[in-house]
C-alpha atoms as a PDB file:
ATOM      1  CA  MET A   1      13.051 -17.568   0.921  1.00  0.00           C
ATOM      2  CA  SER A   2      11.464 -14.175  -0.086  1.00  0.00           C
ATOM      3  CA  LEU A   3       9.102 -12.162   1.821  1.00  0.00           C
ATOM      4  CA  ARG A   4       6.433 -10.162  -0.467  1.00  0.00           C
ATOM      5  CA  LEU A   5       5.361  -6.624   0.640  1.00  0.00           C
ATOM      6  CA  ILE A   6       2.265  -4.808  -1.587  1.00  0.00           C
ATOM      7  CA  LEU A   7       2.746  -0.913  -0.973  1.00  0.00           C
ATOM      8  CA  VAL A   8      -0.330   1.098  -1.098  1.00  0.00           C
ATOM      9  CA  ARG A   9      -1.051   4.508  -1.119  1.00  0.00           C
ATOM     10  CA  HIS A  10      -4.554   5.931  -0.381  1.00  0.00           C
ATOM     11  CA  ALA A  11      -7.225   6.001  -2.826  1.00  0.00           C
ATOM     12  CA  LYS A  12      -7.739   9.975  -3.730  1.00  0.00           C
ATOM     13  CA  SER A  13      -9.900  11.192  -1.061  1.00  0.00           C
ATOM     14  CA  SER A  14     -12.056  14.519  -0.812  1.00  0.00           C
ATOM     15  CA  TRP A  15     -11.465  18.011   0.494  1.00  0.00           C
ATOM     16  CA  ASP A  16     -15.403  18.873   0.007  1.00  0.00           C
ATOM     17  CA  ASP A  17     -15.565  20.071   3.030  1.00  0.00           C
ATOM     18  CA  LEU A  18     -12.474  22.137   5.233  1.00  0.00           C
ATOM     19  CA  MET A  19     -13.401  21.644   8.536  1.00  0.00           C
ATOM     20  CA  VAL A  20     -12.834  17.929   8.627  1.00  0.00           C
ATOM     21  CA  ASP A  21      -9.355  16.965  10.364  1.00  0.00           C
ATOM     22  CA  ASP A  22      -7.281  15.026   7.901  1.00  0.00           C
ATOM     23  CA  HIS A  23      -7.364  11.987   9.469  1.00  0.00           C
ATOM     24  CA  ASP A  24     -10.960  11.909   9.263  1.00  0.00           C
ATOM     25  CA  ARG A  25     -10.626  12.794   5.994  1.00  0.00           C
ATOM     26  CA  VAL A  26     -13.384   9.990   3.244  1.00  0.00           C
ATOM     27  CA  LEU A  27     -12.610   8.820  -0.538  1.00  0.00           C
ATOM     28  CA  ASN A  28     -14.090  11.200  -3.118  1.00  0.00           C
ATOM     29  CA  ARG A  29     -15.927   9.843  -5.932  1.00  0.00           C
ATOM     30  CA  ARG A  30     -12.205   8.740  -8.264  1.00  0.00           C
ATOM     31  CA  GLY A  31     -10.953   7.032  -5.189  1.00  0.00           C
ATOM     32  CA  ARG A  32     -14.192   4.924  -3.694  1.00  0.00           C
ATOM     33  CA  ALA A  33     -13.746   3.529  -7.833  1.00  0.00           C
ATOM     34  CA  THR A  34      -9.619   3.201  -8.469  1.00  0.00           C
ATOM     35  CA  ALA A  35      -9.535   1.199  -4.688  1.00  0.00           C
ATOM     36  CA  PRO A  36     -11.507  -2.135  -6.079  1.00  0.00           C
ATOM     37  CA  LEU A  37      -9.863  -1.085  -9.631  1.00  0.00           C
ATOM     38  CA  MET A  38      -6.322  -1.630  -8.204  1.00  0.00           C
ATOM     39  CA  ALA A  39      -7.481  -4.893  -6.216  1.00  0.00           C
ATOM     40  CA  ARG A  40      -8.118  -6.842  -9.199  1.00  0.00           C
ATOM     41  CA  PHE A  41      -4.974  -5.744 -10.926  1.00  0.00           C
ATOM     42  CA  LEU A  42      -3.508  -7.194  -8.049  1.00  0.00           C
ATOM     43  CA  ALA A  43      -6.264 -10.310  -7.890  1.00  0.00           C
ATOM     44  CA  THR A  44      -5.693 -10.769 -11.754  1.00  0.00           C
ATOM     45  CA  HIS A  45      -1.928 -10.808 -11.332  1.00  0.00           C
ATOM     46  CA  GLY A  46      -1.975 -12.964  -8.379  1.00  0.00           C
ATOM     47  CA  HIS A  47      -0.996 -10.608  -5.598  1.00  0.00           C
ATOM     48  CA  ARG A  48      -2.333 -11.749  -2.709  1.00  0.00           C
ATOM     49  CA  PRO A  49      -2.363 -10.072   0.832  1.00  0.00           C
ATOM     50  CA  ALA A  50      -2.071 -12.881   3.876  1.00  0.00           C
ATOM     51  CA  LEU A  51      -2.159  -9.571   6.162  1.00  0.00           C
ATOM     52  CA  VAL A  52      -3.467  -5.771   5.573  1.00  0.00           C
ATOM     53  CA  VAL A  53      -1.763  -3.328   7.954  1.00  0.00           C
ATOM     54  CA  SER A  54      -3.229  -0.050   7.407  1.00  0.00           C
ATOM     55  CA  SER A  55      -2.705   3.553   8.920  1.00  0.00           C
ATOM     56  CA  THR A  56      -5.522   4.822  11.255  1.00  0.00           C
ATOM     57  CA  ALA A  57      -6.870   7.423   8.793  1.00  0.00           C
ATOM     58  CA  ARG A  58     -10.539   7.500   7.564  1.00  0.00           C
ATOM     59  CA  ARG A  59      -9.204   7.069   4.042  1.00  0.00           C
ATOM     60  CA  THR A  60      -6.561   4.534   4.523  1.00  0.00           C
ATOM     61  CA  LEU A  61      -8.878   1.736   6.363  1.00  0.00           C
ATOM     62  CA  GLU A  62     -11.526   3.307   3.179  1.00  0.00           C
ATOM     63  CA  THR A  63      -9.345   2.047   0.562  1.00  0.00           C
ATOM     64  CA  TRP A  64      -9.094  -1.366   2.091  1.00  0.00           C
ATOM     65  CA  ASP A  65     -12.641  -1.978   2.849  1.00  0.00           C
ATOM     66  CA  ARG A  66     -13.402  -0.954  -0.720  1.00  0.00           C
ATOM     67  CA  MET A  67     -10.641  -3.264  -1.929  1.00  0.00           C
ATOM     68  CA  ALA A  68     -11.107  -6.347   0.696  1.00  0.00           C
ATOM     69  CA  PRO A  69     -14.488  -7.854  -1.277  1.00  0.00           C
ATOM     70  CA  ILE A  70     -12.226  -8.812  -4.388  1.00  0.00           C
ATOM     71  CA  PHE A  71      -9.791 -10.570  -2.185  1.00  0.00           C
ATOM     72  CA  GLY A  72     -13.393 -12.035  -0.108  1.00  0.00           C
ATOM     73  CA  GLY A  73     -14.109 -15.842   0.274  1.00  0.00           C
ATOM     74  CA  THR A  74     -13.532 -17.523   3.901  1.00  0.00           C
ATOM     75  CA  ASP A  75      -9.995 -16.656   4.325  1.00  0.00           C
ATOM     76  CA  MET A  76     -10.382 -12.339   4.222  1.00  0.00           C
ATOM     77  CA  PRO A  77      -6.630 -10.964   5.243  1.00  0.00           C
ATOM     78  CA  PRO A  78      -6.565  -9.613   8.617  1.00  0.00           C
ATOM     79  CA  LEU A  79      -6.800  -6.134   8.662  1.00  0.00           C
ATOM     80  CA  HIS A  80      -4.100  -4.026  11.907  1.00  0.00           C
ATOM     81  CA  PRO A  81      -4.342  -0.725  11.646  1.00  0.00           C
ATOM     82  CA  GLU A  82      -1.377   0.779  12.931  1.00  0.00           C
ATOM     83  CA  PRO A  83      -1.144   4.495  14.517  1.00  0.00           C
ATOM     84  CA  LYS A  84       2.417   4.628  13.773  1.00  0.00           C
ATOM     85  CA  LEU A  85       1.290   4.878   9.828  1.00  0.00           C
ATOM     86  CA  TYR A  86      -0.329   7.745   9.517  1.00  0.00           C
ATOM     87  CA  HIS A  87       2.039  10.718   7.918  1.00  0.00           C
ATOM     88  CA  ALA A  88       4.869   8.134   8.748  1.00  0.00           C
ATOM     89  CA  SER A  89       8.371   8.455   7.683  1.00  0.00           C
ATOM     90  CA  ALA A  90      10.133   5.701   5.871  1.00  0.00           C
ATOM     91  CA  ASP A  91      12.132   4.536   9.462  1.00  0.00           C
ATOM     92  CA  THR A  92       9.078   4.384  10.440  1.00  0.00           C
ATOM     93  CA  MET A  93       6.762   2.056   8.077  1.00  0.00           C
ATOM     94  CA  LEU A  94      10.048   0.213   7.761  1.00  0.00           C
ATOM     95  CA  ALA A  95      10.199  -0.028  11.521  1.00  0.00           C
ATOM     96  CA  VAL A  96       6.293  -1.565  11.505  1.00  0.00           C
ATOM     97  CA  LEU A  97       7.403  -3.912   8.681  1.00  0.00           C
ATOM     98  CA  HIS A  98      10.250  -5.420  10.909  1.00  0.00           C
ATOM     99  CA  ARG A  99       7.446  -6.142  13.724  1.00  0.00           C
ATOM    100  CA  CYS A 100       5.060  -8.392  10.848  1.00  0.00           C
ATOM    101  CA  PRO A 101       5.079 -11.744  10.693  1.00  0.00           C
ATOM    102  CA  PRO A 102       6.910 -13.581   7.934  1.00  0.00           C
ATOM    103  CA  SER A 103       3.856 -13.391   5.050  1.00  0.00           C
ATOM    104  CA  THR A 104       2.824 -11.176   1.859  1.00  0.00           C
ATOM    105  CA  VAL A 105       2.048  -7.968   3.781  1.00  0.00           C
ATOM    106  CA  MET A 106       0.279  -4.981   2.244  1.00  0.00           C
ATOM    107  CA  MET A 107       0.889  -1.894   3.806  1.00  0.00           C
ATOM    108  CA  LEU A 108      -1.717   1.109   3.212  1.00  0.00           C
ATOM    109  CA  GLY A 109      -0.336   4.725   3.733  1.00  0.00           C
ATOM    110  CA  HIS A 110       0.585   8.293   2.577  1.00  0.00           C
ATOM    111  CA  ASN A 111       2.524  10.543   0.542  1.00  0.00           C
ATOM    112  CA  PRO A 112       5.374  11.680   1.121  1.00  0.00           C
ATOM    113  CA  GLY A 113       6.792   8.394   3.438  1.00  0.00           C
ATOM    114  CA  ILE A 114       5.004   5.786   1.099  1.00  0.00           C
ATOM    115  CA  GLY A 115       7.140   6.955  -2.019  1.00  0.00           C
ATOM    116  CA  ASP A 116       9.868   7.761  -0.100  1.00  0.00           C
ATOM    117  CA  PHE A 117       9.762   4.031   1.201  1.00  0.00           C
ATOM    118  CA  ALA A 118       8.989   2.431  -2.001  1.00  0.00           C
ATOM    119  CA  SER A 119      11.847   4.408  -3.300  1.00  0.00           C
ATOM    120  CA  ASP A 120      14.232   3.524  -0.428  1.00  0.00           C
ATOM    121  CA  LEU A 121      12.820  -0.329  -0.271  1.00  0.00           C
ATOM    122  CA  LEU A 122      14.377  -0.857  -3.468  1.00  0.00           C
ATOM    123  CA  ALA A 123      17.875  -1.978  -5.388  1.00  0.00           C
ATOM    124  CA  GLU A 124      16.504  -0.952  -8.411  1.00  0.00           C
ATOM    125  CA  GLN A 125      13.568   1.213  -8.871  1.00  0.00           C
ATOM    126  CA  PRO A 126      10.154   0.496 -11.958  1.00  0.00           C
ATOM    127  CA  ARG A 127      11.018   2.983 -15.132  1.00  0.00           C
ATOM    128  CA  HIS A 128       7.129   4.344 -14.545  1.00  0.00           C
ATOM    129  CA  PRO A 129       6.609   7.707 -15.504  1.00  0.00           C
ATOM    130  CA  SER A 130       5.017   8.564 -12.210  1.00  0.00           C
ATOM    131  CA  PHE A 131       6.724   5.641  -9.947  1.00  0.00           C
ATOM    132  CA  HIS A 132       8.837   8.999  -7.677  1.00  0.00           C
ATOM    133  CA  ALA A 133       5.395  10.846  -6.981  1.00  0.00           C
ATOM    134  CA  TYR A 134       3.649   7.762  -5.715  1.00  0.00           C
ATOM    135  CA  PRO A 135       0.086   9.270  -7.176  1.00  0.00           C
ATOM    136  CA  THR A 136      -3.381   8.155  -4.971  1.00  0.00           C
ATOM    137  CA  CYS A 137      -3.788   4.252  -5.169  1.00  0.00           C
ATOM    138  CA  ALA A 138      -0.006   3.829  -6.622  1.00  0.00           C
ATOM    139  CA  THR A 139       0.650   0.049  -6.253  1.00  0.00           C
ATOM    140  CA  LEU A 140       4.135  -1.637  -5.487  1.00  0.00           C
ATOM    141  CA  VAL A 141       4.739  -5.066  -5.239  1.00  0.00           C
ATOM    142  CA  ALA A 142       8.171  -6.223  -4.150  1.00  0.00           C
ATOM    143  CA  ASP A 143      10.051  -9.225  -3.546  1.00  0.00           C
ATOM    144  CA  PHE A 144      12.919  -9.390  -0.503  1.00  0.00           C
ATOM    145  CA  PRO A 145      15.501 -12.033  -0.166  1.00  0.00           C
ATOM    146  CA  ALA A 146      14.437 -13.041   3.726  1.00  0.00           C
ATOM    147  CA  ARG A 147      13.202 -15.521   6.076  1.00  0.00           C
ATOM    148  CA  ARG A 148      11.695 -12.733   8.193  1.00  0.00           C
ATOM    149  CA  TRP A 149      10.476  -8.325   7.724  1.00  0.00           C
ATOM    150  CA  SER A 150      13.051  -7.524  10.643  1.00  0.00           C
ATOM    151  CA  GLU A 151      15.993  -8.880   8.274  1.00  0.00           C
ATOM    152  CA  VAL A 152      14.776  -6.864   5.224  1.00  0.00           C
ATOM    153  CA  ARG A 153      16.981  -3.111   4.388  1.00  0.00           C
ATOM    154  CA  PHE A 154      16.307  -0.242   2.360  1.00  0.00           C
ATOM    155  CA  GLY A 155      17.995  -0.834  -1.242  1.00  0.00           C
ATOM    156  CA  THR A 156      17.456  -5.294  -1.609  1.00  0.00           C
ATOM    157  CA  GLY A 157      13.871  -5.181  -2.925  1.00  0.00           C
ATOM    158  CA  ARG A 158      12.748  -6.695  -6.091  1.00  0.00           C
ATOM    159  CA  VAL A 159      10.538  -5.040  -7.950  1.00  0.00           C
ATOM    160  CA  VAL A 160       7.818  -7.545  -9.163  1.00  0.00           C
ATOM    161  CA  ASP A 161       5.029  -4.858 -10.238  1.00  0.00           C
ATOM    162  CA  PHE A 162       3.869  -1.009  -9.916  1.00  0.00           C
ATOM    163  CA  ALA A 163       0.653   0.413 -10.943  1.00  0.00           C
ATOM    164  CA  ILE A 164      -0.927   2.904 -10.824  1.00  0.00           C
ATOM    165  CA  PRO A 165      -4.781   3.856 -11.301  1.00  0.00           C
ATOM    166  CA  ALA A 166      -4.782   5.473 -15.064  1.00  0.00           C
ATOM    167  CA  ASP A 167      -2.635   2.256 -16.192  1.00  0.00           C
ATOM    168  CA  MET A 168      -5.680   0.152 -15.651  1.00  0.00           C
ATOM    169  CA  THR A 169      -8.028   2.909 -17.969  1.00  0.00           C
ATOM    170  CA  ASP A 170      -5.879   2.930 -20.872  1.00  0.00           C
END
């Protein structure tokens, strides 16, 4: 048996209002456009989450709000906002993942933690030129040889897909 993780950095956020707390920043126009674009990429390739675990930051929740309609229907994946994912380290992200039920999980988070997490999880990293930067809305799909998420360790994941919004517009 294997488990699948879909790891998404939030879409591009706005810096228009410098008085807004970082946790409350919203997506900018580009971010609002790229989130559904990446969801269509996932859906087209058969990557559908059964559960979405997200940072509680407004930009991550808004990223999911923009992606969710693509995965619509009567069996919409449930959203679990997780405060520990706000600017989490790779270790914290793994601890959150360990508590998830054995299903396809989408995790939405922030850099640098999410990029570190993606890198640490994989046995072999993709050769994509933007993987190490893990830009906004970067999306990794990885499989793990495990029955439960609590069995997953760093360095055991296999890349299934990796893409960024710029890949969708070429």
